[in-house]
Amino acid sequence: MSWRRIPAGAASLSLAAGCWASAPEGMAGNPVIPGYFADPSIVSHDGEWFIYATIDPWGGDTLGLWRSRDFRHWTFSTPDWPTKAAATSPTSGKSKVWAPSVVKTSDGRFWMYVSIGNEIWVGTAAHPAGPWRDANGGKPLIPRDYRPGLHMIDAEAFIDDDGQAYLYWGSGLNWVNGHCFVVKLRPDMVTFDGVPRDVTPAHYFEAPFMLKRDGRYFLTYSWGNTTTDTYQVRYAVGDSPLGPFTEPMDVPILATDRARQVISPGHHAIFRDGGHDLILYHRQALPFVPGGPVRRQIAVDRLIVKGDRLVRVTPTRVGATIHGAAPRRDAARRVTMTASTAEPGHAAAGAGDDDYATGWRAPAGDTWLQADLGTATAATASLIRSATPATPLSFSVSTSSDGVRWRRVVPLSEMTGSPIKVPALGTARYVRLSFPQGADILDWTFPS
């Protein structure tokens, strides 16, 4: 990340609003990631976790990539491939980059299947962080018009115990009529080995993910509408990765639970860690406003398999236990947050509660967020985690010892990424971030 100066602006004052209730201190493991992201895929490599995800709302010109060695402290970047510009064909639609699936083959290579322009592309890399490159000669693996009237999106690769790879994909239009297709892949991970089959089970809309346990194949998927409170995860069971698949019961395994502040969970990945199965999925950011902007966040919870059944998942704010994960994020100095203004449900305190479900948000226009360190002391380096780290964040930094006389110590600059590090600022009691274009800040911490 680098600083880029832009012309300075002034801040104006107005009344602060209330804040959405946060989780008890030290208990907020979910959301995992500080930002608005969806459709996650996860791999572990050389002691490091990599989460690939759609940038909300509805994708970006790139994907989001988060990296962590302790499953608590995540660093954001955007892979060099795919991009909307680089993965475009004569059949491409206007939709952007979303829904990555990343798997590792026995030769150590990584393969990504990703939706771009309502068609499916494939890329490969020697390392999860890349560099990635197109693996199909600059054309989509599955073009948009492959099955007219259906969405050719949400591809998910599965590698069976014998090394045979399969690809699942498919959705519907207008939140109805989803279809699921599956095909064997040849060893090159690009060429189809046979003709794709339609294996659509009951209550399928999109986002297939295959799980195999004790010889049984669990086709899991999403049904409902992610923009409302109806999105959910269901499953069907079969004796073969090619189906047929039958829903064993007419109930979801993960669905809206308003008592737990979980709205429309879905489009998941399942992974194994420490001998346990875990489900990584997105759910609506809080507070959820029906018909409002699509802002989703990523969470992880325990998944239990019992014979040929998947036990209903209990969505939590605590999150799942991950082997080797830090018990919580680094301790930070206690500060009091105030702001010039805030949107309802996003008061300043939300930026200082160590909870990625809450944050401070202010509308477009000059505004500021201020930290009171309690006494004039060394204002050490601090960390900003924007809810939209792929979008440039414009801000300046000022300090004061009395809250009346202010000194600008960092000029108006533009930054992307997460976390954004604000350097040590000398002695001060108050530190103020000024945003000439508004902001959405999930976390602003002063590590102790």
Protein backbone atom coordinates (compact mmCIF):
# COMPACT_ATOMS: atom_id res chain seq x y z
CA MET A 1 0.00 0.00 0.00
CA SER A 2 1.14 3.54 -0.61
CA TRP A 3 -0.06 7.02 0.27
CA ARG A 4 -1.33 9.36 -2.44
CA ARG A 5 -2.08 12.98 -1.60
CA ILE A 6 -5.23 14.63 -2.91
CA PRO A 7 -6.66 18.13 -2.35
CA ALA A 8 -7.73 18.79 1.24
CA GLY A 9 -11.33 19.35 2.40
CA ALA A 10 -13.15 20.54 5.53
CA ALA A 11 -15.36 18.62 8.00
CA SER A 12 -18.84 19.58 9.23
CA LEU A 13 -20.70 18.71 12.44
CA SER A 14 -23.99 16.91 13.05
CA LEU A 15 -25.51 14.57 15.64
CA ALA A 16 -24.30 10.98 16.04
CA ALA A 17 -26.64 8.01 15.67
CA GLY A 18 -27.02 4.77 17.62
CA CYS A 19 -25.09 1.56 17.04
CA TRP A 20 -26.06 -2.04 16.34
CA ALA A 21 -25.49 -4.27 19.38
CA SER A 22 -22.04 -5.83 19.39
CA ALA A 23 -20.99 -9.24 20.66
CA PRO A 24 -19.51 -9.63 24.17
CA GLU A 25 -15.87 -8.58 24.35
CA GLY A 26 -13.53 -11.22 22.96
CA MET A 27 -16.42 -13.30 21.58
CA ALA A 28 -16.74 -11.90 18.05
CA GLY A 29 -15.06 -14.49 15.85
CA ASN A 30 -17.77 -13.97 13.21
CA PRO A 31 -17.63 -12.29 10.81
CA VAL A 32 -14.15 -13.66 10.13
CA ILE A 33 -13.16 -11.00 7.61
CA PRO A 34 -13.33 -7.20 8.08
CA GLY A 35 -15.29 -6.23 5.02
CA TYR A 36 -18.21 -6.83 2.68
CA PHE A 37 -17.45 -10.04 0.82
CA ALA A 38 -19.35 -13.12 -0.35
CA ASP A 39 -19.07 -16.56 -2.02
CA PRO A 40 -15.89 -17.66 -0.21
CA SER A 41 -13.40 -20.37 -1.13
CA ILE A 42 -10.60 -21.39 1.23
CA VAL A 43 -7.27 -23.24 1.05
CA SER A 44 -4.45 -23.82 3.52
CA HIS A 45 -0.84 -23.88 2.33
CA ASP A 46 2.48 -23.89 4.24
CA GLY A 47 0.83 -22.82 7.48
CA GLU A 48 -1.14 -19.96 5.91
CA TRP A 49 -4.85 -19.57 5.18
CA PHE A 50 -6.14 -18.04 1.94
CA ILE A 51 -9.74 -16.93 1.50
CA TYR A 52 -10.89 -15.88 -1.97
CA ALA A 53 -14.19 -14.03 -2.22
CA THR A 54 -16.54 -11.87 -4.25
CA ILE A 55 -16.19 -8.15 -3.55
CA ASP A 56 -19.62 -6.78 -2.65
CA PRO A 57 -21.85 -5.44 -3.99
CA TRP A 58 -22.15 -8.00 -6.80
CA GLY A 59 -18.49 -8.39 -7.60
CA GLY A 60 -15.72 -6.11 -8.76
CA ASP A 61 -13.17 -5.88 -11.52
CA THR A 62 -11.07 -8.35 -9.49
CA LEU A 63 -11.50 -10.81 -6.64
CA GLY A 64 -10.67 -10.23 -3.00
CA LEU A 65 -7.90 -12.34 -1.43
CA TRP A 66 -7.37 -12.49 2.33
CA ARG A 67 -4.32 -14.12 3.94
CA SER A 68 -3.67 -15.09 7.57
CA ARG A 69 -1.39 -17.36 9.57
CA ASP A 70 -3.56 -17.37 12.69
CA PHE A 71 -7.12 -17.04 11.29
CA ARG A 72 -7.54 -13.77 13.21
CA HIS A 73 -5.32 -11.17 11.56
CA TRP A 74 -6.07 -10.95 7.85
CA THR A 75 -4.35 -8.95 5.10
CA PHE A 76 -6.22 -7.99 1.94
CA SER A 77 -5.03 -7.93 -1.65
CA THR A 78 -6.42 -8.48 -5.14
CA PRO A 79 -4.97 -11.31 -7.28
CA ASP A 80 -3.40 -10.40 -10.62
CA TRP A 81 -5.87 -12.75 -12.35
CA PRO A 82 -8.79 -12.90 -12.98
CA THR A 83 -9.84 -9.41 -13.94
CA LYS A 84 -12.94 -8.30 -15.79
CA ALA A 85 -10.75 -6.82 -18.52
CA ALA A 86 -8.57 -9.90 -18.98
CA ALA A 87 -11.38 -12.47 -18.90
CA THR A 88 -13.83 -11.24 -21.51
CA SER A 89 -15.14 -13.04 -24.58
CA PRO A 90 -17.64 -12.36 -27.38
CA THR A 91 -20.27 -14.16 -25.30
CA SER A 92 -19.55 -12.38 -22.01
CA GLY A 93 -22.27 -10.50 -20.14
CA LYS A 94 -21.91 -7.37 -18.08
CA SER A 95 -21.60 -9.08 -14.70
CA LYS A 96 -18.25 -8.71 -12.97
CA VAL A 97 -15.92 -11.14 -11.18
CA TRP A 98 -17.42 -13.38 -8.51
CA ALA A 99 -17.70 -16.83 -6.89
CA PRO A 100 -14.16 -18.30 -6.97
CA SER A 101 -13.44 -21.98 -6.28
CA VAL A 102 -9.80 -22.88 -5.62
CA VAL A 103 -8.49 -26.46 -5.32
CA LYS A 104 -5.07 -28.09 -5.21
CA THR A 105 -4.18 -31.09 -7.38
CA SER A 106 -1.74 -33.88 -6.51
CA ASP A 107 1.04 -32.21 -8.53
CA GLY A 108 0.94 -29.21 -6.16
CA ARG A 109 -0.71 -26.79 -8.58
CA PHE A 110 -3.72 -24.67 -7.71
CA TRP A 111 -6.74 -24.26 -9.97
CA MET A 112 -9.36 -21.54 -9.85
CA TYR A 113 -12.84 -21.74 -11.39
CA VAL A 114 -14.51 -18.35 -11.34
CA SER A 115 -17.59 -16.58 -12.71
CA ILE A 116 -16.91 -13.57 -14.94
CA GLY A 117 -19.49 -11.96 -17.20
CA ASN A 118 -21.98 -14.77 -16.46
CA GLU A 119 -19.62 -17.43 -17.72
CA ILE A 120 -17.00 -19.66 -16.13
CA TRP A 121 -13.26 -19.21 -16.55
CA VAL A 122 -10.35 -21.28 -15.26
CA GLY A 123 -6.89 -20.24 -14.12
CA THR A 124 -3.89 -21.88 -12.49
CA ALA A 125 -0.98 -20.97 -10.21
CA ALA A 126 1.93 -22.60 -8.41
CA HIS A 127 1.04 -20.78 -5.17
CA PRO A 128 -2.31 -19.70 -3.68
CA ALA A 129 -1.28 -16.04 -3.90
CA GLY A 130 -0.28 -16.38 -7.54
CA PRO A 131 0.82 -15.25 -9.94
CA TRP A 132 -2.31 -16.67 -11.54
CA ARG A 133 -2.71 -17.13 -15.28
CA ASP A 134 -5.53 -18.10 -17.60
CA ALA A 135 -5.50 -21.86 -18.26
CA ASN A 136 -7.83 -22.11 -21.25
CA GLY A 137 -6.30 -20.03 -24.01
CA GLY A 138 -8.07 -16.77 -23.18
CA LYS A 139 -11.60 -18.11 -23.55
CA PRO A 140 -14.27 -19.20 -21.07
CA LEU A 141 -14.44 -22.80 -20.00
CA ILE A 142 -18.25 -22.57 -20.02
CA PRO A 143 -19.65 -19.69 -22.13
CA ARG A 144 -22.69 -17.69 -21.09
CA ASP A 145 -24.88 -19.24 -23.80
CA TYR A 146 -23.96 -22.87 -22.96
CA ARG A 147 -27.50 -23.51 -21.63
CA PRO A 148 -29.76 -20.63 -22.74
CA GLY A 149 -32.17 -19.47 -20.07
CA LEU A 150 -29.89 -20.47 -17.19
CA HIS A 151 -26.93 -18.82 -15.48
CA MET A 152 -23.57 -20.46 -16.19
CA ILE A 153 -22.05 -19.36 -12.86
CA ASP A 154 -20.92 -20.65 -9.45
CA ALA A 155 -18.50 -23.37 -10.57
CA GLU A 156 -17.05 -25.57 -7.83
CA ALA A 157 -14.35 -28.19 -8.34
CA PHE A 158 -14.22 -31.44 -6.37
CA ILE A 159 -11.35 -33.96 -6.35
CA ASP A 160 -12.33 -37.48 -5.28
CA ASP A 161 -10.12 -39.81 -3.24
CA ASP A 162 -8.87 -41.50 -6.42
CA GLY A 163 -7.70 -38.15 -7.84
CA GLN A 164 -10.56 -37.83 -10.33
CA ALA A 165 -11.76 -34.22 -10.58
CA TYR A 166 -15.33 -33.07 -11.18
CA LEU A 167 -16.83 -29.67 -11.85
CA TYR A 168 -20.27 -28.56 -10.60
CA TRP A 169 -22.01 -25.35 -11.59
CA GLY A 170 -25.24 -23.61 -12.46
CA SER A 171 -27.94 -21.21 -11.33
CA GLY A 172 -31.27 -19.83 -12.54
CA LEU A 173 -32.73 -16.47 -13.44
CA ASN A 174 -34.67 -14.07 -11.25
CA TRP A 175 -34.07 -16.25 -8.17
CA VAL A 176 -35.95 -19.26 -9.58
CA ASN A 177 -35.34 -22.33 -11.76
CA GLY A 178 -31.79 -23.09 -10.73
CA HIS A 179 -30.09 -26.05 -12.43
CA CYS A 180 -27.00 -27.95 -11.32
CA PHE A 181 -24.63 -29.53 -13.83
CA VAL A 182 -21.67 -31.85 -13.26
CA VAL A 183 -18.94 -33.18 -15.52
CA LYS A 184 -15.73 -35.15 -15.09
CA LEU A 185 -12.51 -33.25 -15.77
CA ARG A 186 -9.53 -34.79 -17.51
CA PRO A 187 -6.12 -34.59 -15.76
CA ASP A 188 -5.44 -31.20 -17.38
CA MET A 189 -8.28 -29.82 -15.15
CA VAL A 190 -9.66 -27.98 -18.18
CA THR A 191 -11.02 -30.53 -20.67
CA PHE A 192 -14.38 -32.17 -20.10
CA ASP A 193 -14.29 -35.97 -19.91
CA GLY A 194 -17.76 -36.76 -21.20
CA VAL A 195 -21.00 -34.82 -21.49
CA PRO A 196 -22.21 -32.67 -18.56
CA ARG A 197 -25.17 -34.07 -16.64
CA ASP A 198 -28.08 -32.18 -15.11
CA VAL A 199 -28.24 -33.48 -11.52
CA THR A 200 -30.50 -30.80 -10.06
CA PRO A 201 -32.00 -31.91 -6.71
CA ALA A 202 -35.08 -30.43 -5.07
CA HIS A 203 -34.74 -26.89 -3.66
CA TYR A 204 -31.59 -26.12 -5.67
CA PHE A 205 -30.88 -22.62 -6.89
CA GLU A 206 -27.08 -22.10 -7.04
CA ALA A 207 -23.67 -22.45 -5.35
CA PRO A 208 -23.05 -26.22 -5.38
CA PHE A 209 -20.33 -27.70 -3.17
CA MET A 210 -19.49 -31.42 -3.03
CA LEU A 211 -18.52 -33.12 0.25
CA LYS A 212 -17.56 -36.79 0.54
CA ARG A 213 -17.62 -38.63 3.86
CA ASP A 214 -17.44 -42.39 4.44
CA GLY A 215 -18.22 -43.22 0.84
CA ARG A 216 -21.30 -40.99 0.62
CA TYR A 217 -21.48 -37.91 -1.60
CA PHE A 218 -23.20 -34.85 -0.15
CA LEU A 219 -24.15 -32.27 -2.76
CA THR A 220 -24.67 -29.06 -0.79
CA TYR A 221 -26.09 -25.88 -2.33
CA SER A 222 -28.00 -22.65 -1.78
CA TRP A 223 -31.69 -21.99 -2.30
CA GLY A 224 -33.74 -18.80 -1.94
CA ASN A 225 -32.80 -15.17 -2.51
CA THR A 226 -29.65 -13.66 -1.02
CA THR A 227 -31.15 -10.14 -1.17
CA THR A 228 -33.98 -11.10 1.21
CA ASP A 229 -34.04 -13.30 4.30
CA THR A 230 -34.78 -16.54 2.41
CA TYR A 231 -31.27 -17.63 1.33
CA GLN A 232 -30.22 -20.93 2.92
CA VAL A 233 -28.01 -24.01 2.58
CA ARG A 234 -29.50 -27.43 1.75
CA TYR A 235 -28.10 -30.79 0.70
CA ALA A 236 -28.83 -34.00 -1.19
CA VAL A 237 -27.09 -37.37 -0.93
CA GLY A 238 -25.87 -39.82 -3.57
CA ASP A 239 -23.68 -42.89 -4.05
CA SER A 240 -21.66 -41.30 -6.87
CA PRO A 241 -20.24 -37.83 -7.57
CA LEU A 242 -22.34 -37.91 -10.75
CA GLY A 243 -25.58 -38.52 -8.86
CA PRO A 244 -28.44 -39.01 -8.72
CA PHE A 245 -28.88 -36.95 -5.57
CA THR A 246 -31.87 -37.02 -3.23
CA GLU A 247 -32.73 -34.59 -0.42
CA PRO A 248 -33.12 -36.71 2.72
CA MET A 249 -35.37 -34.17 4.40
CA ASP A 250 -37.23 -31.03 3.42
CA VAL A 251 -35.39 -28.62 5.72
CA PRO A 252 -32.28 -26.44 5.35
CA ILE A 253 -29.13 -27.10 7.35
CA LEU A 254 -28.31 -23.37 7.58
CA ALA A 255 -30.91 -20.62 7.37
CA THR A 256 -31.93 -17.22 8.71
CA ASP A 257 -31.88 -17.09 12.51
CA ARG A 258 -32.95 -13.62 13.60
CA ALA A 259 -32.47 -14.44 17.27
CA ARG A 260 -28.77 -14.93 16.50
CA GLN A 261 -28.61 -11.92 14.14
CA VAL A 262 -27.94 -14.18 11.12
CA ILE A 263 -29.74 -13.25 7.90
CA SER A 264 -29.65 -15.24 4.63
CA PRO A 265 -26.58 -17.46 5.11
CA GLY A 266 -25.37 -19.30 2.03
CA HIS A 267 -22.94 -19.78 -0.87
CA HIS A 268 -20.50 -21.74 1.22
CA ALA A 269 -17.36 -23.83 1.17
CA ILE A 270 -16.67 -26.80 3.45
CA PHE A 271 -13.19 -27.58 4.72
CA ARG A 272 -11.61 -29.80 7.33
CA ASP A 273 -9.39 -28.67 10.18
CA GLY A 274 -8.26 -30.39 13.36
CA GLY A 275 -10.37 -33.44 12.56
CA HIS A 276 -13.57 -31.40 12.22
CA ASP A 277 -15.68 -30.23 9.30
CA LEU A 278 -16.27 -26.48 9.05
CA ILE A 279 -18.58 -24.45 6.83
CA LEU A 280 -17.43 -21.07 5.54
CA TYR A 281 -20.30 -18.96 4.20
CA HIS A 282 -21.60 -15.45 3.73
CA ARG A 283 -24.50 -13.75 5.53
CA GLN A 284 -26.02 -10.31 5.38
CA ALA A 285 -24.21 -7.48 7.15
CA LEU A 286 -26.02 -5.92 10.11
CA PRO A 287 -28.35 -4.21 10.49
CA PHE A 288 -30.06 -5.85 7.50
CA VAL A 289 -32.23 -3.49 5.45
CA PRO A 290 -34.51 -5.33 2.97
CA GLY A 291 -34.12 -3.80 -0.45
CA GLY A 292 -30.97 -1.94 0.59
CA PRO A 293 -27.43 -2.29 -0.79
CA VAL A 294 -26.05 -5.83 -0.93
CA ARG A 295 -23.47 -6.02 1.85
CA ARG A 296 -22.49 -9.52 2.94
CA GLN A 297 -19.87 -10.80 5.36
CA ILE A 298 -18.05 -14.11 5.78
CA ALA A 299 -18.48 -16.41 8.78
CA VAL A 300 -17.35 -19.90 9.80
CA ASP A 301 -19.15 -22.46 11.96
CA ARG A 302 -18.96 -26.16 12.79
CA LEU A 303 -20.56 -28.72 10.45
CA ILE A 304 -21.35 -32.21 11.76
CA VAL A 305 -21.82 -35.30 9.57
CA LYS A 306 -23.78 -38.23 11.04
CA GLY A 307 -23.96 -41.20 8.68
CA ASP A 308 -25.84 -40.05 5.59
CA ARG A 309 -27.15 -36.89 7.26
CA LEU A 310 -25.74 -33.41 7.85
CA VAL A 311 -26.75 -31.95 11.21
CA ARG A 312 -28.39 -28.53 11.15
CA VAL A 313 -25.68 -25.90 11.63
CA THR A 314 -25.91 -23.51 14.57
CA PRO A 315 -24.78 -20.10 13.28
CA THR A 316 -22.80 -18.17 15.89
CA ARG A 317 -21.08 -14.88 16.61
CA VAL A 318 -18.23 -16.75 18.31
CA GLY A 319 -17.27 -18.75 15.22
CA ALA A 320 -15.64 -22.17 15.00
CA THR A 321 -12.49 -23.38 16.69
CA ILE A 322 -9.62 -23.42 14.18
CA HIS A 323 -6.45 -25.37 14.92
CA GLY A 324 -3.59 -22.93 15.49
CA ALA A 325 -5.84 -19.88 15.44
CA ALA A 326 -5.10 -17.02 17.80
CA PRO A 327 -7.69 -17.01 20.61
CA ARG A 328 -8.56 -13.42 19.72
CA ARG A 329 -7.15 -10.46 17.86
CA ASP A 330 -4.21 -8.53 19.33
CA ALA A 331 -4.99 -6.51 22.42
CA ALA A 332 -5.57 -2.83 21.73
CA ARG A 333 -5.60 0.31 23.82
CA ARG A 334 -9.04 1.24 25.10
CA VAL A 335 -10.25 4.40 23.42
CA THR A 336 -13.54 6.29 23.19
CA MET A 337 -14.83 6.84 19.67
CA THR A 338 -16.96 9.80 18.60
CA ALA A 339 -17.93 11.10 15.17
CA SER A 340 -19.34 14.15 13.44
CA THR A 341 -22.22 12.10 12.05
CA ALA A 342 -23.26 8.51 11.46
CA GLU A 343 -25.85 6.50 9.62
CA PRO A 344 -28.50 4.80 11.80
CA GLY A 345 -27.13 1.63 13.39
CA HIS A 346 -23.52 2.61 12.69
CA ALA A 347 -22.43 4.90 15.53
CA ALA A 348 -18.77 5.66 16.20
CA ALA A 349 -18.51 3.09 19.01
CA GLY A 350 -18.86 0.33 16.42
CA ALA A 351 -15.40 1.12 15.06
CA GLY A 352 -13.77 0.48 18.42
CA ASP A 353 -15.42 -2.71 19.71
CA ASP A 354 -13.21 -5.38 18.06
CA ASP A 355 -16.27 -6.76 16.24
CA TYR A 356 -16.41 -6.89 12.44
CA ALA A 357 -20.22 -7.11 12.50
CA THR A 358 -20.37 -3.53 13.72
CA GLY A 359 -18.73 -0.38 12.47
CA TRP A 360 -19.05 3.36 11.90
CA ARG A 361 -20.55 4.52 8.64
CA ALA A 362 -21.10 8.08 7.47
CA PRO A 363 -22.77 9.21 4.25
CA ALA A 364 -20.92 10.92 1.43
CA GLY A 365 -19.71 14.36 2.49
CA ASP A 366 -17.14 15.80 4.87
CA THR A 367 -17.13 13.92 8.16
CA TRP A 368 -14.77 12.68 10.83
CA LEU A 369 -14.14 9.84 13.29
CA GLN A 370 -12.26 10.65 16.49
CA ALA A 371 -10.44 8.56 19.11
CA ASP A 372 -9.99 9.81 22.68
CA LEU A 373 -6.93 8.10 24.19
CA GLY A 374 -7.95 9.26 27.69
CA THR A 375 -4.90 11.38 28.39
CA ALA A 376 -2.13 13.09 26.48
CA THR A 377 0.19 10.21 25.63
CA ALA A 378 2.20 8.72 22.80
CA ALA A 379 -0.22 8.21 19.90
CA THR A 380 1.21 4.98 18.58
CA ALA A 381 0.61 3.61 15.09
CA SER A 382 -3.00 2.57 14.51
CA LEU A 383 -4.80 0.28 12.07
CA ILE A 384 -7.87 1.09 9.96
CA ARG A 385 -10.02 -1.68 8.53
CA SER A 386 -12.40 -0.31 5.95
CA ALA A 387 -15.51 -2.30 5.05
CA THR A 388 -14.58 -1.81 1.38
CA PRO A 389 -10.79 -2.32 1.18
CA ALA A 390 -10.77 -2.59 -2.61
CA THR A 391 -12.17 0.95 -2.89
CA PRO A 392 -9.81 3.90 -2.31
CA LEU A 393 -10.30 5.52 1.10
CA SER A 394 -9.59 9.26 1.26
CA PHE A 395 -8.71 10.71 4.67
CA SER A 396 -6.39 12.97 6.63
CA VAL A 397 -5.22 12.68 10.24
CA SER A 398 -5.13 15.41 12.90
CA THR A 399 -4.18 15.37 16.58
CA SER A 400 -5.01 17.50 19.60
CA SER A 401 -4.15 17.60 23.28
CA ASP A 402 -7.29 19.47 24.37
CA GLY A 403 -9.90 18.79 21.67
CA VAL A 404 -9.88 22.47 20.67
CA ARG A 405 -6.61 23.15 18.93
CA TRP A 406 -5.84 20.71 16.13
CA ARG A 407 -2.73 19.95 14.11
CA ARG A 408 -2.89 18.06 10.82
CA VAL A 409 -0.15 15.43 10.92
CA VAL A 410 -1.05 13.34 7.86
CA PRO A 411 -2.19 15.22 4.74
CA LEU A 412 -5.25 14.17 2.82
CA SER A 413 -4.30 10.87 1.19
CA GLU A 414 -5.87 7.96 -0.64
CA MET A 415 -5.31 4.34 0.39
CA THR A 416 -6.62 0.90 -0.49
CA GLY A 417 -6.14 -2.41 1.28
CA SER A 418 -6.59 -3.72 4.80
CA PRO A 419 -5.36 -3.03 7.33
CA ILE A 420 -4.29 0.53 6.53
CA LYS A 421 -1.52 1.57 8.91
CA VAL A 422 -1.52 5.12 10.28
CA PRO A 423 1.98 5.94 11.55
CA ALA A 424 2.82 6.99 15.11
CA LEU A 425 1.76 10.61 15.58
CA GLY A 426 3.67 11.92 18.59
CA THR A 427 2.02 13.06 21.82
CA ALA A 428 -1.73 13.64 21.76
CA ARG A 429 -4.96 12.84 23.57
CA TYR A 430 -7.25 13.00 20.53
CA VAL A 431 -6.68 11.55 17.07
CA ARG A 432 -9.11 12.46 14.29
CA LEU A 433 -9.60 10.88 10.89
CA SER A 434 -11.28 13.28 8.46
CA PHE A 435 -13.08 11.86 5.41
CA PRO A 436 -14.12 14.31 2.69
CA GLN A 437 -16.26 11.65 0.97
CA GLY A 438 -17.75 9.76 3.93
CA ALA A 439 -16.51 6.34 5.06
CA ASP A 440 -17.45 2.86 6.25
CA ILE A 441 -14.99 1.77 8.95
CA LEU A 442 -15.41 -1.59 10.68
CA ASP A 443 -12.41 -1.28 12.96
CA TRP A 444 -9.90 1.36 14.05
CA THR A 445 -7.46 0.08 16.65
CA PHE A 446 -4.41 1.30 18.55
CA PRO A 447 -2.39 -1.86 19.32
CA SER A 448 -1.08 -1.80 22.86
